[in-house]
Amino acid sequence: MYEHLLDKNNKPTPIQVKEYLGENGVKHLLALKNFLQTNYHLLKEMRFPFGHSYGWGYKYSHKSSHLCYIFFEKGAFTFTIQIGDKQVNAVEKYLSDLSSTAQELWKNRYPRGNNGGWVHYRILYNYELNDVYKFISAKKKPIIN
């Protein structure tokens, strides 16, 4: 149902990305981009980073510090973030503010390091972006403009 853009040889154009994500996916992606631009010195790159499981997406960074990936899906996108061992305490402080879905994703994260890991969160609803903002803020404290 939520197919990824898996043809590495055909980099999607911005118009193709919008058509693929659909109206709600685009709306959620724009809200996320606005949050990132407001809180970080944002860099965005179109990438095909992890082979054929994830496909095309955006890599968002603050200066040279990686923040997250957004993988395009038909009608949605998946937010992917790596939380390092040094950032685990920051995530744990936000846990009670996260939705039950986000708490479960954190509990079952793909391990990385001693306590950190990767979280993959398919964004279908606007309220899920609050979880995404908390994960990003835990990884990298927002700058003050």
N, C-alpha and C. Protein backbone atom coordinates (compact mmCIF):
# COMPACT_ATOMS: atom_id res chain seq x y z
N MET A 1 0.82 -1.20 0.00
CA MET A 1 0.00 0.00 0.00
C MET A 1 0.86 1.26 0.00
N TYR A 2 1.84 1.33 0.87
CA TYR A 2 2.71 2.51 0.95
C TYR A 2 4.02 2.21 0.22
N GLU A 3 3.95 2.20 -1.10
CA GLU A 3 5.10 1.87 -1.92
C GLU A 3 6.14 2.99 -1.87
N HIS A 4 7.40 2.59 -1.90
CA HIS A 4 8.51 3.54 -1.92
C HIS A 4 8.94 3.78 -3.37
N LEU A 5 9.66 4.87 -3.57
CA LEU A 5 10.27 5.15 -4.89
C LEU A 5 11.60 4.41 -4.93
N LEU A 6 11.62 3.23 -5.54
CA LEU A 6 12.75 2.32 -5.43
C LEU A 6 13.66 2.26 -6.65
N ASP A 7 13.39 3.07 -7.68
CA ASP A 7 14.23 3.05 -8.87
C ASP A 7 15.38 4.03 -8.69
N LYS A 8 16.53 3.49 -8.31
CA LYS A 8 17.71 4.33 -8.02
C LYS A 8 18.17 5.12 -9.25
N ASN A 9 17.86 4.62 -10.43
CA ASN A 9 18.31 5.27 -11.66
C ASN A 9 17.42 6.43 -12.09
N ASN A 10 16.29 6.63 -11.43
CA ASN A 10 15.37 7.71 -11.78
C ASN A 10 15.10 8.59 -10.57
N LYS A 11 15.93 9.59 -10.42
CA LYS A 11 15.77 10.54 -9.32
C LYS A 11 14.47 11.33 -9.54
N PRO A 12 13.55 11.31 -8.56
CA PRO A 12 12.28 12.00 -8.76
C PRO A 12 12.43 13.53 -8.74
N THR A 13 11.61 14.17 -9.53
CA THR A 13 11.57 15.64 -9.52
C THR A 13 10.67 16.08 -8.37
N PRO A 14 10.76 17.34 -7.97
CA PRO A 14 9.85 17.84 -6.92
C PRO A 14 8.37 17.63 -7.27
N ILE A 15 8.02 17.78 -8.53
CA ILE A 15 6.63 17.56 -8.94
C ILE A 15 6.24 16.09 -8.77
N GLN A 16 7.13 15.18 -9.14
CA GLN A 16 6.85 13.76 -8.96
C GLN A 16 6.72 13.40 -7.48
N VAL A 17 7.55 14.00 -6.64
CA VAL A 17 7.46 13.75 -5.20
C VAL A 17 6.10 14.20 -4.68
N LYS A 18 5.67 15.39 -5.06
CA LYS A 18 4.36 15.89 -4.61
C LYS A 18 3.22 14.97 -5.07
N GLU A 19 3.26 14.56 -6.31
CA GLU A 19 2.22 13.67 -6.83
C GLU A 19 2.23 12.33 -6.08
N TYR A 20 3.41 11.82 -5.78
CA TYR A 20 3.54 10.53 -5.11
C TYR A 20 3.05 10.60 -3.67
N LEU A 21 3.43 11.67 -2.96
CA LEU A 21 3.03 11.82 -1.55
C LEU A 21 1.53 12.04 -1.40
N GLY A 22 0.94 12.70 -2.36
CA GLY A 22 -0.48 13.03 -2.26
C GLY A 22 -0.70 14.26 -1.42
N GLU A 23 -1.92 14.74 -1.40
CA GLU A 23 -2.25 16.00 -0.73
C GLU A 23 -1.88 16.00 0.76
N ASN A 24 -2.27 14.96 1.49
CA ASN A 24 -1.96 14.93 2.93
C ASN A 24 -0.47 14.77 3.18
N GLY A 25 0.19 13.91 2.41
CA GLY A 25 1.63 13.73 2.57
C GLY A 25 2.39 15.03 2.34
N VAL A 26 2.00 15.77 1.32
CA VAL A 26 2.64 17.06 1.03
C VAL A 26 2.39 18.04 2.16
N LYS A 27 1.17 18.08 2.65
CA LYS A 27 0.82 18.98 3.76
C LYS A 27 1.68 18.68 4.99
N HIS A 28 1.84 17.40 5.31
CA HIS A 28 2.64 17.02 6.47
C HIS A 28 4.12 17.31 6.25
N LEU A 29 4.60 17.07 5.03
CA LEU A 29 6.00 17.34 4.72
C LEU A 29 6.29 18.84 4.80
N LEU A 30 5.38 19.68 4.33
CA LEU A 30 5.57 21.13 4.42
C LEU A 30 5.59 21.60 5.87
N ALA A 31 4.73 21.02 6.71
CA ALA A 31 4.73 21.37 8.13
C ALA A 31 6.06 20.98 8.77
N LEU A 32 6.57 19.81 8.44
CA LEU A 32 7.85 19.38 8.98
C LEU A 32 8.97 20.29 8.49
N LYS A 33 8.96 20.61 7.21
CA LYS A 33 9.98 21.50 6.66
C LYS A 33 9.94 22.86 7.34
N ASN A 34 8.76 23.38 7.60
CA ASN A 34 8.62 24.66 8.29
C ASN A 34 9.22 24.59 9.69
N PHE A 35 8.93 23.51 10.42
CA PHE A 35 9.51 23.32 11.75
C PHE A 35 11.03 23.32 11.66
N LEU A 36 11.57 22.56 10.72
CA LEU A 36 13.02 22.45 10.58
C LEU A 36 13.65 23.78 10.20
N GLN A 37 13.04 24.50 9.26
CA GLN A 37 13.60 25.79 8.84
C GLN A 37 13.54 26.83 9.96
N THR A 38 12.52 26.74 10.79
CA THR A 38 12.37 27.69 11.89
C THR A 38 13.39 27.43 13.00
N ASN A 39 13.76 26.17 13.19
CA ASN A 39 14.57 25.79 14.34
C ASN A 39 16.01 25.40 14.06
N TYR A 40 16.39 25.31 12.79
CA TYR A 40 17.74 24.85 12.45
C TYR A 40 18.23 25.57 11.20
N HIS A 41 19.56 25.54 11.02
CA HIS A 41 20.17 26.00 9.76
C HIS A 41 20.06 24.81 8.80
N LEU A 42 18.97 24.76 8.07
CA LEU A 42 18.56 23.57 7.37
C LEU A 42 19.26 23.37 6.03
N LEU A 43 19.73 22.15 5.83
CA LEU A 43 20.22 21.69 4.54
C LEU A 43 19.36 20.51 4.13
N LYS A 44 18.99 20.42 2.86
CA LYS A 44 18.16 19.33 2.36
C LYS A 44 18.83 18.75 1.11
N GLU A 45 18.94 17.42 1.09
CA GLU A 45 19.49 16.73 -0.07
C GLU A 45 18.55 15.60 -0.47
N MET A 46 18.39 15.39 -1.77
CA MET A 46 17.67 14.23 -2.27
C MET A 46 18.66 13.07 -2.25
N ARG A 47 18.29 11.96 -1.60
CA ARG A 47 19.21 10.84 -1.44
C ARG A 47 18.52 9.50 -1.67
N PHE A 48 19.31 8.51 -1.98
CA PHE A 48 18.90 7.10 -2.07
C PHE A 48 19.90 6.35 -1.19
N PRO A 49 19.79 6.46 0.14
CA PRO A 49 20.90 6.10 1.02
C PRO A 49 21.04 4.64 1.43
N PHE A 50 19.98 3.89 1.54
CA PHE A 50 20.08 2.58 2.18
C PHE A 50 19.67 1.43 1.28
N GLY A 51 19.79 1.58 0.02
CA GLY A 51 19.44 0.48 -0.88
C GLY A 51 17.96 0.41 -1.17
N HIS A 52 17.53 -0.75 -1.59
CA HIS A 52 16.19 -0.90 -2.15
C HIS A 52 15.08 -1.04 -1.13
N SER A 53 15.36 -1.01 0.14
CA SER A 53 14.29 -1.10 1.13
C SER A 53 13.61 0.25 1.37
N TYR A 54 14.36 1.34 1.24
CA TYR A 54 13.84 2.66 1.59
C TYR A 54 13.60 3.55 0.39
N GLY A 55 14.46 3.48 -0.59
CA GLY A 55 14.29 4.27 -1.79
C GLY A 55 14.67 5.73 -1.63
N TRP A 56 14.08 6.56 -2.46
CA TRP A 56 14.39 7.99 -2.50
C TRP A 56 13.76 8.73 -1.32
N GLY A 57 14.48 9.76 -0.89
CA GLY A 57 13.97 10.61 0.18
C GLY A 57 14.86 11.82 0.37
N TYR A 58 14.47 12.63 1.33
CA TYR A 58 15.27 13.80 1.70
C TYR A 58 16.10 13.50 2.93
N LYS A 59 17.34 13.94 2.90
CA LYS A 59 18.18 13.95 4.09
C LYS A 59 18.19 15.39 4.58
N TYR A 60 17.76 15.59 5.82
CA TYR A 60 17.77 16.91 6.42
C TYR A 60 18.90 16.99 7.44
N SER A 61 19.66 18.09 7.38
CA SER A 61 20.78 18.31 8.28
C SER A 61 20.73 19.73 8.83
N HIS A 62 21.33 19.89 10.00
CA HIS A 62 21.57 21.20 10.59
C HIS A 62 23.06 21.44 10.43
N LYS A 63 23.41 22.39 9.56
CA LYS A 63 24.81 22.60 9.18
C LYS A 63 25.35 21.25 8.71
N SER A 64 26.34 20.67 9.41
CA SER A 64 26.88 19.37 9.00
C SER A 64 26.36 18.22 9.87
N SER A 65 25.42 18.52 10.75
CA SER A 65 24.88 17.52 11.66
C SER A 65 23.58 16.92 11.11
N HIS A 66 23.61 15.62 10.83
CA HIS A 66 22.43 14.94 10.28
C HIS A 66 21.28 14.97 11.28
N LEU A 67 20.08 15.34 10.81
CA LEU A 67 18.88 15.35 11.65
C LEU A 67 18.01 14.12 11.40
N CYS A 68 17.58 13.93 10.15
CA CYS A 68 16.65 12.84 9.86
C CYS A 68 16.58 12.60 8.36
N TYR A 69 15.92 11.50 8.02
CA TYR A 69 15.56 11.20 6.64
C TYR A 69 14.05 11.19 6.53
N ILE A 70 13.56 11.55 5.37
CA ILE A 70 12.15 11.44 5.00
C ILE A 70 12.11 10.58 3.75
N PHE A 71 11.50 9.40 3.84
CA PHE A 71 11.40 8.52 2.69
C PHE A 71 10.01 8.62 2.09
N PHE A 72 9.98 8.86 0.79
CA PHE A 72 8.71 9.07 0.07
C PHE A 72 7.96 7.75 -0.08
N GLU A 73 6.67 7.82 0.17
CA GLU A 73 5.80 6.68 -0.01
C GLU A 73 4.55 7.14 -0.74
N LYS A 74 3.89 6.22 -1.38
CA LYS A 74 2.63 6.54 -2.06
C LYS A 74 1.59 6.92 -1.00
N GLY A 75 1.26 8.20 -0.93
CA GLY A 75 0.25 8.69 0.00
C GLY A 75 0.74 9.00 1.40
N ALA A 76 2.05 8.94 1.64
CA ALA A 76 2.58 9.20 2.98
C ALA A 76 4.09 9.39 2.87
N PHE A 77 4.75 9.47 4.03
CA PHE A 77 6.21 9.39 4.08
C PHE A 77 6.60 8.77 5.40
N THR A 78 7.80 8.20 5.42
CA THR A 78 8.35 7.66 6.66
C THR A 78 9.47 8.56 7.13
N PHE A 79 9.35 8.98 8.37
CA PHE A 79 10.36 9.75 9.09
C PHE A 79 11.31 8.75 9.73
N THR A 80 12.61 8.91 9.47
CA THR A 80 13.62 8.01 10.04
C THR A 80 14.67 8.85 10.74
N ILE A 81 14.94 8.49 11.99
CA ILE A 81 15.92 9.23 12.78
C ILE A 81 16.80 8.26 13.54
N GLN A 82 18.07 8.60 13.62
CA GLN A 82 19.01 7.82 14.42
C GLN A 82 19.28 8.61 15.70
N ILE A 83 19.00 7.97 16.82
CA ILE A 83 19.28 8.58 18.12
C ILE A 83 20.52 7.89 18.68
N GLY A 84 21.56 8.68 18.92
CA GLY A 84 22.80 8.14 19.46
C GLY A 84 22.71 7.95 20.98
N ASP A 85 23.67 7.24 21.51
CA ASP A 85 23.70 6.97 22.95
C ASP A 85 23.64 8.25 23.78
N LYS A 86 24.31 9.29 23.32
CA LYS A 86 24.34 10.55 24.07
C LYS A 86 22.99 11.28 24.04
N GLN A 87 22.11 10.91 23.13
CA GLN A 87 20.82 11.58 22.98
C GLN A 87 19.67 10.81 23.61
N VAL A 88 19.94 9.62 24.10
CA VAL A 88 18.88 8.77 24.67
C VAL A 88 18.19 9.45 25.85
N ASN A 89 18.96 10.07 26.74
CA ASN A 89 18.35 10.74 27.90
C ASN A 89 17.39 11.84 27.48
N ALA A 90 17.72 12.55 26.42
CA ALA A 90 16.83 13.61 25.93
C ALA A 90 15.52 13.02 25.42
N VAL A 91 15.58 11.89 24.72
CA VAL A 91 14.36 11.23 24.25
C VAL A 91 13.54 10.76 25.44
N GLU A 92 14.20 10.18 26.43
CA GLU A 92 13.50 9.64 27.60
C GLU A 92 12.75 10.76 28.34
N LYS A 93 13.28 11.96 28.32
CA LYS A 93 12.59 13.10 28.97
C LYS A 93 11.28 13.42 28.27
N TYR A 94 11.21 13.16 26.97
CA TYR A 94 10.01 13.45 26.17
C TYR A 94 9.00 12.30 26.15
N LEU A 95 9.39 11.12 26.63
CA LEU A 95 8.56 9.93 26.44
C LEU A 95 7.11 10.11 26.86
N SER A 96 6.88 10.72 28.00
CA SER A 96 5.49 10.87 28.46
C SER A 96 4.69 11.82 27.58
N ASP A 97 5.37 12.66 26.81
CA ASP A 97 4.70 13.59 25.90
C ASP A 97 4.44 12.97 24.52
N LEU A 98 5.02 11.81 24.26
CA LEU A 98 4.87 11.16 22.97
C LEU A 98 3.59 10.32 22.93
N SER A 99 3.06 10.14 21.74
CA SER A 99 1.89 9.28 21.56
C SER A 99 2.27 7.84 21.89
N SER A 100 1.28 7.01 22.11
CA SER A 100 1.55 5.59 22.39
C SER A 100 2.26 4.94 21.20
N THR A 101 1.93 5.37 19.99
CA THR A 101 2.61 4.85 18.80
C THR A 101 4.10 5.17 18.84
N ALA A 102 4.44 6.43 19.13
CA ALA A 102 5.84 6.84 19.18
C ALA A 102 6.58 6.15 20.32
N GLN A 103 5.91 5.99 21.45
CA GLN A 103 6.54 5.29 22.57
C GLN A 103 6.86 3.85 22.19
N GLU A 104 5.95 3.22 21.49
CA GLU A 104 6.15 1.82 21.05
C GLU A 104 7.29 1.75 20.02
N LEU A 105 7.33 2.71 19.10
CA LEU A 105 8.42 2.74 18.12
C LEU A 105 9.77 2.92 18.80
N TRP A 106 9.81 3.77 19.83
CA TRP A 106 11.05 3.99 20.57
C TRP A 106 11.45 2.70 21.31
N LYS A 107 10.50 2.09 21.94
CA LYS A 107 10.76 0.85 22.68
C LYS A 107 11.31 -0.23 21.75
N ASN A 108 10.80 -0.29 20.52
CA ASN A 108 11.20 -1.33 19.57
C ASN A 108 12.15 -0.82 18.49
N ARG A 109 12.89 0.24 18.78
CA ARG A 109 13.82 0.82 17.81
C ARG A 109 14.85 -0.21 17.36
N TYR A 110 15.38 0.01 16.17
CA TYR A 110 16.46 -0.83 15.66
C TYR A 110 17.73 -0.39 16.38
N PRO A 111 18.38 -1.29 17.12
CA PRO A 111 19.48 -0.88 17.99
C PRO A 111 20.68 -0.30 17.25
N ARG A 112 21.29 0.65 17.90
CA ARG A 112 22.52 1.29 17.40
C ARG A 112 23.28 1.76 18.63
N GLY A 113 24.50 1.32 18.80
CA GLY A 113 25.28 1.67 19.98
C GLY A 113 24.78 0.88 21.18
N ASN A 114 25.04 1.41 22.38
CA ASN A 114 24.64 0.72 23.61
C ASN A 114 23.15 0.86 23.90
N ASN A 115 22.59 2.07 23.70
CA ASN A 115 21.19 2.32 24.04
C ASN A 115 20.41 3.04 22.95
N GLY A 116 21.10 3.58 21.98
CA GLY A 116 20.44 4.34 20.93
C GLY A 116 19.80 3.44 19.90
N GLY A 117 19.40 4.06 18.82
CA GLY A 117 18.82 3.27 17.75
C GLY A 117 18.11 4.11 16.70
N TRP A 118 17.58 3.40 15.73
CA TRP A 118 16.86 3.99 14.62
C TRP A 118 15.36 3.86 14.86
N VAL A 119 14.63 4.95 14.62
CA VAL A 119 13.18 4.95 14.69
C VAL A 119 12.65 5.25 13.30
N HIS A 120 11.71 4.43 12.85
CA HIS A 120 11.04 4.62 11.56
C HIS A 120 9.56 4.85 11.83
N TYR A 121 9.05 6.00 11.44
CA TYR A 121 7.69 6.40 11.81
C TYR A 121 6.95 6.86 10.55
N ARG A 122 5.99 6.07 10.11
CA ARG A 122 5.17 6.45 8.95
C ARG A 122 4.20 7.54 9.39
N ILE A 123 4.23 8.68 8.71
CA ILE A 123 3.40 9.83 9.07
C ILE A 123 2.16 9.85 8.19
N LEU A 124 1.02 9.66 8.84
CA LEU A 124 -0.26 9.67 8.15
C LEU A 124 -1.17 10.78 8.63
N TYR A 125 -0.95 11.25 9.86
CA TYR A 125 -1.84 12.23 10.47
C TYR A 125 -1.04 13.41 11.02
N ASN A 126 -1.67 14.56 11.03
CA ASN A 126 -1.03 15.78 11.48
C ASN A 126 -0.50 15.67 12.91
N TYR A 127 -1.27 15.06 13.81
CA TYR A 127 -0.86 14.99 15.22
C TYR A 127 0.45 14.19 15.39
N GLU A 128 0.78 13.30 14.45
CA GLU A 128 2.01 12.53 14.56
C GLU A 128 3.25 13.40 14.40
N LEU A 129 3.09 14.55 13.78
CA LEU A 129 4.23 15.46 13.61
C LEU A 129 4.74 15.97 14.96
N ASN A 130 3.88 16.06 15.96
CA ASN A 130 4.34 16.47 17.29
C ASN A 130 5.38 15.49 17.83
N ASP A 131 5.17 14.20 17.58
CA ASP A 131 6.16 13.20 17.98
C ASP A 131 7.47 13.41 17.23
N VAL A 132 7.35 13.66 15.94
CA VAL A 132 8.53 13.88 15.10
C VAL A 132 9.33 15.07 15.61
N TYR A 133 8.64 16.16 15.94
CA TYR A 133 9.32 17.36 16.44
C TYR A 133 10.07 17.06 17.74
N LYS A 134 9.48 16.24 18.59
CA LYS A 134 10.12 15.89 19.86
C LYS A 134 11.36 15.02 19.62
N PHE A 135 11.25 14.06 18.72
CA PHE A 135 12.43 13.23 18.40
C PHE A 135 13.57 14.09 17.85
N ILE A 136 13.24 14.99 16.94
CA ILE A 136 14.28 15.85 16.36
C ILE A 136 14.88 16.76 17.43
N SER A 137 14.04 17.34 18.26
CA SER A 137 14.53 18.23 19.32
C SER A 137 15.40 17.49 20.32
N ALA A 138 15.10 16.22 20.57
CA ALA A 138 15.93 15.41 21.45
C ALA A 138 17.29 15.12 20.81
N LYS A 139 17.28 14.91 19.52
CA LYS A 139 18.54 14.63 18.82
C LYS A 139 19.42 15.87 18.75
N LYS A 140 18.80 17.00 18.42
CA LYS A 140 19.55 18.25 18.28
C LYS A 140 18.69 19.38 18.82
N LYS A 141 19.12 19.97 19.90
CA LYS A 141 18.38 21.06 20.51
C LYS A 141 18.17 22.18 19.47
N PRO A 142 16.94 22.67 19.35
CA PRO A 142 16.69 23.75 18.37
C PRO A 142 17.53 24.99 18.69
N ILE A 143 17.91 25.68 17.63
CA ILE A 143 18.64 26.93 17.81
C ILE A 143 17.66 28.02 18.16
N ILE A 144 18.12 29.06 18.77
CA ILE A 144 17.26 30.21 19.07
C ILE A 144 17.54 31.27 18.01
N ASN A 145 16.50 31.61 17.25
CA ASN A 145 16.66 32.61 16.18
C ASN A 145 16.73 34.00 16.73
